[in-house]
Amino acid sequence: MVENGLPIEIKKNPSRGDFDRLSGQIDSNIEVYGNLVIVICQMQTRDLLNEYKNRSESRHSSEQLVWIIK
């Protein structure tokens, strides 16, 4: 949490299960704070990330979700 208003979720080399849990974290954070920054790092393949990101972006606006991929 940054300055009590900007939640950040960080995932390192996330698995399908990590992305499934992230779905609930996204919903909770957007409900409480209205937005969320998601940092994904050290992905071995982008296929799973792209699949999940596309599904999430269809449910939430780019103003609510900010993705940082490293």
Foldseek 3Di string as FASTA:
>chain_A
DPPVAEAEAEEEQDDLVNLVVVVVVLVVCCVPRVAYEYEYEHHPDCPSVVVSVVVVCVVDPCVRYHYHYD
